[in-house]
Amino acid sequence: MPSRTHIGSPYMQFAKLRSGAKYNLASSGIMSYPLKELPVTLEDLEICGSDLYGYSPLRERLAKLNGVTPDCVVTAAGTSMANHLALAATLEPGEEALVEWPTYELLVTTLEYLGVTVRYFDRRMEDGFRVDPEEVERKITPQTRLIVLTNLHNPTGALIDEATLRTVGDLARKNNARVLVDEVYLEALYERRPRPAVHLGDHFLVTSSLTKAYGLSGLRCGWVLANPELAQRMWHINDLYGVNAAHPAELLSVIAVDNLDRVAARAKKLLAANRPVLDAFLRSRNDIEYVRPEFGTVVFPKVLRGTVDQLDRLLREEYETSVVPGKYFGMPQHFRVGIGGDPQMTRVGLDRLGLALDGMRGQ
């Protein structure tokens, strides 16, 4: 078991300290939604609320949004905290989790912090990074108690269809295991979003938030969807981290959910502007290999010449541009690009990415 004095998230340290740039292609979410665009006044806000296990109006709205009852909703400070609660509630130290690869690093470092043994199954580029249930079946063991997925996949944006989720769920149930699906990027399908995987059975639980698809990261409005018994266990675990959430953020989150169509319209407009620019960029390159996702805010190309470390250094030193090196997802020859930013910035950032790739030819 790793020493807890050395536990941390290298990816989160990168995201907080090194991902920023004038031309930021490292961000995986929609650019921040302006507070002035929400129909809110100072009189709508209060500092303190009375609900200590989740603000009831917010839980009710999130329940309606996801087609569940409020007792299935656990609110949390973003998807990261939601994932932490979900993992802690479903696993004991020494138990085993089966995690997709490539994977979002914070899921793994959280599992390690909780003393869980981590095994992996592959999502292969040659298969479009899809989940292959046969691969899951090969890698699952009698000790596996949780299968961990992201949908849309982080970092590639690949979609898992409901039939595949059902098959994985059947494998988990036969093994007395559960399935956790982080659906924070699935929100970016907006009106085309399929129903949350929690509807596939009590052995499924789902995490998500308003952060990535709506540009509402500052509200820290995350949640877990689970059966009521498991949800209650998460509330008790959450007692270890504090008494209550920041009530102004809860009130603003209610207003945001009530106006989610307005918020989504702005996000869809950004993606509609940026996706054709990304597609044109990808088609123009013969020095990267990629799987183009149909939905979402990210793509995960592979460098065919040179290294991503060289590319990252060149982008920063000469082009004021940032991407996310694939080493943070376990694939060091790849890098993640986000297209949720300002269209002009995104266009120039992709141009500069192309210049950096050109510059690597002579290195």
Foldseek 3Di string as FASTA:
>chain_A
DDDLVPFDAPQVCCVVPPQDFLQGQAAFFAAADDPVVFPDDPVLADFDDDDQQDDVLLLCLVCVVQVHHSLQKGKDQALLRQLLLLLLLQDAAAFEEEEEALAQQSNVSSCVSRNYHYHYFYQDVVNLSEDDLVSVLVGDDLRHAEYEAEACHPPARAHYDLVNVLSNQVSNVVSNHAYEYEDAQLCQVPVPRDRDNQVSDQSYKYKYACPGQQNHSVLSTIIMGHPSVSSVSSSVVCVVVDRHDRRRSSSVSSSCSVVVVVSNVVQVVQCVLQVVLVVVLVVVDPQWDWRDHPTGWKTKIFGNADWVVQLQVCCVPPPRYGWAACVSSVDRRITMTTRNYDNVSNNSNSVSSVVSSVVRVVD
